[in-house]
Amino acid sequence: MPGALGSYNWLASHGSEADKYAGKWVAVVEGRVLGAADSVKELLKLPEVKAANKPLVTKIPRQEEADSVLKAE
């Protein structure tokens, strides 16, 4: 599945692989993590991310962040 939807689906279905990026900003294209950084600003400076065509950029929450969001609902 191409594009951002494919990248989102990869993240949603590969939680255990995404766990190693907890607390980081990541850029994903077609199921491949291009880079990870502590801030979105740092992430967007990475050569692999700069060269990518419309990567999905998102923050992978730490477990405690995810838990607090679920409790707020």
Protein backbone atom coordinates (compact mmCIF):
# COMPACT_ATOMS: atom_id res chain seq x y z
CA MET A 1 0.00 0.00 0.00
CA PRO A 2 1.83 3.15 -1.18
CA GLY A 3 2.02 6.54 0.45
CA ALA A 4 1.24 7.74 3.93
CA LEU A 5 -1.60 5.24 4.42
CA GLY A 6 0.80 2.35 3.83
CA SER A 7 3.27 3.87 6.26
CA TYR A 8 0.55 4.37 8.87
CA ASN A 9 -0.68 0.80 8.40
CA TRP A 10 2.86 -0.48 8.85
CA LEU A 11 3.21 1.43 12.13
CA ALA A 12 -0.17 0.21 13.34
CA SER A 13 0.59 -3.44 12.57
CA HIS A 14 4.24 -3.53 13.70
CA GLY A 15 3.92 -2.20 17.23
CA SER A 16 6.72 -4.32 18.64
CA GLU A 17 9.14 -3.00 16.00
CA ALA A 18 7.94 0.56 16.61
CA ASP A 19 8.46 0.13 20.38
CA LYS A 20 12.20 0.62 19.99
CA TYR A 21 11.43 4.18 18.87
CA ALA A 22 9.28 5.03 21.93
CA GLY A 23 9.55 8.73 22.74
CA LYS A 24 11.14 9.51 19.36
CA TRP A 25 9.97 11.20 16.20
CA VAL A 26 10.16 8.85 13.21
CA ALA A 27 9.86 9.17 9.45
CA VAL A 28 8.38 6.18 7.62
CA VAL A 29 8.01 5.55 3.88
CA GLU A 30 6.34 2.41 2.55
CA GLY A 31 6.99 0.40 5.67
CA ARG A 32 10.59 1.47 6.15
CA VAL A 33 11.79 3.68 8.99
CA LEU A 34 14.05 6.29 7.42
CA GLY A 35 15.19 7.88 10.64
CA ALA A 36 14.41 8.69 14.24
CA ALA A 37 15.28 11.64 16.45
CA ASP A 38 14.36 13.29 19.73
CA SER A 39 12.73 16.25 17.97
CA VAL A 40 10.92 16.76 14.70
CA LYS A 41 13.43 19.49 13.86
CA GLU A 42 16.34 17.03 14.23
CA LEU A 43 14.46 14.39 12.25
CA LEU A 44 13.82 16.66 9.29
CA LYS A 45 17.55 17.46 9.08
CA LEU A 46 18.50 13.81 8.49
CA PRO A 47 19.67 13.24 4.89
CA GLU A 48 17.47 10.16 4.39
CA VAL A 49 14.39 12.07 5.51
CA LYS A 50 15.25 15.17 3.46
CA ALA A 51 15.55 13.03 0.32
CA ALA A 52 12.27 11.16 0.89
CA ASN A 53 9.10 11.88 -1.03
CA LYS A 54 6.43 12.75 1.54
CA PRO A 55 7.38 10.54 4.49
CA LEU A 56 4.93 9.95 7.30
CA VAL A 57 6.35 11.84 10.29
CA THR A 58 4.97 10.97 13.70
CA LYS A 59 5.98 10.64 17.32
CA ILE A 60 5.93 7.17 18.83
CA PRO A 61 4.61 7.63 22.36
CA ARG A 62 6.27 6.12 25.40
CA GLN A 63 4.05 3.63 27.22
CA GLU A 64 3.26 6.11 29.99
CA GLU A 65 2.25 8.74 27.39
CA ALA A 66 -0.07 6.27 25.67
CA ASP A 67 -1.56 5.22 29.00
CA SER A 68 -2.31 8.82 29.98
CA VAL A 69 -4.07 9.46 26.67
CA LEU A 70 -6.23 6.37 27.12
CA LYS A 71 -7.13 7.42 30.68
CA ALA A 72 -8.18 10.88 29.46
CA GLU A 73 -10.84 9.36 27.20
